[in-house]
């Protein structure tokens, strides 16, 4: 069986690699795939309501918010034929906001008593680990 890189990327290549090692029926740690996602949000305005000279309320661009970029990383592995009660073990790891970018992401409104602007920030880094096992 010939395996090669395709537009489907690393996941397909790992599938070919998995099948080749599974045929040998011996323990193998195999990369099952990975992904790096980057999200960028450009400069934008925070809308707030203002009162016009005629006494009407309308929304207006009042608070300029800078651009920001965040990155997420996900990867997984497959462990075949490890000689235990499990046929396959698949650990995976996802890291959200990889570089811990805590910049301002949006306008959240104003405080009632002094009209001080309130802002939302990007959430901090998050790490998720998953372990899946397959029994025969």
Protein backbone atom coordinates (compact mmCIF):
# COMPACT_ATOMS: atom_id res chain seq x y z
CA UNK A 1 0.00 0.00 0.00
CA UNK A 2 1.44 3.38 -1.01
CA UNK A 3 0.77 6.34 1.27
CA UNK A 4 1.35 9.93 0.31
CA UNK A 5 0.36 13.44 1.34
CA UNK A 6 -3.01 14.53 0.00
CA UNK A 7 -5.23 17.60 0.26
CA UNK A 8 -6.79 15.82 3.24
CA UNK A 9 -3.48 16.37 5.02
CA UNK A 10 -1.94 14.72 8.01
CA UNK A 11 -5.02 12.77 9.11
CA UNK A 12 -5.08 10.69 5.90
CA UNK A 13 -1.33 10.08 6.05
CA UNK A 14 -1.68 8.94 9.69
CA UNK A 15 -4.52 6.59 8.65
CA UNK A 16 -2.24 4.91 6.11
CA UNK A 17 0.54 4.68 8.69
CA UNK A 18 -1.88 3.13 11.22
CA UNK A 19 -2.98 0.43 8.80
CA UNK A 20 0.59 -0.50 7.90
CA UNK A 21 1.58 -0.89 11.57
CA UNK A 22 -1.61 -2.71 12.50
CA UNK A 23 -0.78 -5.39 9.93
CA UNK A 24 2.51 -6.05 11.73
CA UNK A 25 0.54 -6.70 14.96
CA UNK A 26 3.05 -5.10 17.30
CA UNK A 27 2.90 -2.09 19.64
CA UNK A 28 2.99 1.24 17.86
CA UNK A 29 2.58 4.89 18.84
CA UNK A 30 1.19 6.64 15.80
CA UNK A 31 0.37 10.33 15.30
CA UNK A 32 -3.33 10.44 14.45
CA UNK A 33 -3.45 14.05 13.36
CA UNK A 34 -3.20 17.61 14.44
CA UNK A 35 -4.48 21.09 13.72
CA UNK A 36 -3.29 24.62 14.27
CA UNK A 37 -6.06 27.19 13.91
CA UNK A 38 -5.43 30.92 13.86
CA UNK A 39 -8.22 33.48 14.25
CA UNK A 40 -7.65 37.17 13.64
CA UNK A 41 -10.17 39.94 14.32
CA UNK A 42 -9.45 43.35 12.84
CA UNK A 43 -9.99 46.77 14.35
CA UNK A 44 -13.64 47.55 15.07
CA UNK A 45 -15.85 49.90 17.04
CA UNK A 46 -17.88 49.39 20.19
CA UNK A 47 -21.43 50.65 19.74
CA UNK A 48 -23.13 52.62 22.46
CA UNK A 49 -26.38 54.52 22.59
CA UNK A 50 -26.24 58.30 22.59
CA UNK A 51 -28.92 60.95 22.82
CA UNK A 52 -29.10 63.27 19.83
CA UNK A 53 -29.79 66.99 20.09
CA UNK A 54 -33.43 66.21 19.22
CA UNK A 55 -33.67 63.92 22.28
CA UNK A 56 -33.71 60.65 20.29
CA UNK A 57 -31.61 57.64 21.28
CA UNK A 58 -29.45 56.08 18.60
CA UNK A 59 -26.42 53.79 18.38
CA UNK A 60 -23.06 55.31 17.49
CA UNK A 61 -19.46 54.13 17.11
CA UNK A 62 -17.82 55.45 20.27
CA UNK A 63 -15.09 53.07 21.42
CA UNK A 64 -12.34 51.93 19.05
CA UNK A 65 -11.15 48.38 19.74
CA UNK A 66 -7.81 47.17 18.38
CA UNK A 67 -7.21 43.99 16.40
CA UNK A 68 -6.15 40.74 18.03
CA UNK A 69 -5.07 37.24 16.97
CA UNK A 70 -5.43 33.96 18.82
CA UNK A 71 -4.20 30.45 18.00
CA UNK A 72 -5.54 27.02 18.97
CA UNK A 73 -3.58 23.75 18.78
CA UNK A 74 -5.03 20.24 18.73
CA UNK A 75 -3.18 16.94 18.36
CA UNK A 76 -3.81 13.27 18.93
CA UNK A 77 -2.09 9.90 18.87
CA UNK A 78 -3.13 6.25 18.53
CA UNK A 79 -1.43 3.43 20.39
CA UNK A 80 -2.11 0.03 18.81
CA UNK A 81 -1.59 -3.47 20.20
CA UNK A 82 -0.09 -2.56 23.56
CA UNK A 83 -0.55 -6.05 24.99
CA UNK A 84 -3.22 -5.25 27.54
CA UNK A 85 -6.98 -5.57 27.71
CA UNK A 86 -7.30 -2.61 25.33
CA UNK A 87 -6.98 -2.95 21.59
CA UNK A 88 -6.28 0.72 21.04
CA UNK A 89 -5.70 3.81 23.21
CA UNK A 90 -6.17 7.28 21.74
CA UNK A 91 -4.99 10.25 23.81
CA UNK A 92 -5.62 13.75 22.44
CA UNK A 93 -4.77 17.25 23.60
CA UNK A 94 -6.31 20.63 22.72
CA UNK A 95 -4.86 23.97 23.79
CA UNK A 96 -7.12 26.98 23.28
CA UNK A 97 -5.58 30.46 23.07
CA UNK A 98 -2.11 28.95 22.79
CA UNK A 99 -0.19 32.19 23.45
CA UNK A 100 -2.57 33.37 26.24
CA UNK A 101 -3.66 36.54 24.39
CA UNK A 102 -5.80 38.46 26.93
CA UNK A 103 -6.40 41.57 24.81
CA UNK A 104 -9.70 43.48 24.70
CA UNK A 105 -12.08 41.75 22.29
CA UNK A 106 -15.32 43.76 22.52
CA UNK A 107 -17.21 46.60 24.16
CA UNK A 108 -19.61 45.47 26.91
CA UNK A 109 -21.46 48.68 27.78
CA UNK A 110 -21.09 51.43 30.35
CA UNK A 111 -21.44 51.61 34.11
CA UNK A 112 -24.71 53.28 35.12
CA UNK A 113 -23.44 55.84 37.58
CA UNK A 114 -20.46 57.40 35.76
CA UNK A 115 -20.66 56.01 32.18
CA UNK A 116 -17.22 54.38 32.45
CA UNK A 117 -16.81 51.97 29.49
CA UNK A 118 -16.64 48.23 30.21
CA UNK A 119 -14.81 45.81 27.92
CA UNK A 120 -14.71 42.04 27.32
CA UNK A 121 -11.33 40.32 27.10
CA UNK A 122 -10.28 37.11 25.38
CA UNK A 123 -10.43 34.16 27.78
CA UNK A 124 -7.05 32.86 28.94
CA UNK A 125 -5.35 29.70 27.80
CA UNK A 126 -7.31 26.47 28.21
CA UNK A 127 -6.05 22.90 28.05
CA UNK A 128 -8.24 19.85 27.40
CA UNK A 129 -7.05 16.25 27.51
CA UNK A 130 -9.10 13.32 26.24
CA UNK A 131 -8.37 9.59 26.53
CA UNK A 132 -10.38 7.08 24.50
CA UNK A 133 -9.88 3.33 24.73
CA UNK A 134 -11.11 0.53 22.49
CA UNK A 135 -11.75 -2.93 23.91
CA UNK A 136 -11.79 -5.98 21.67
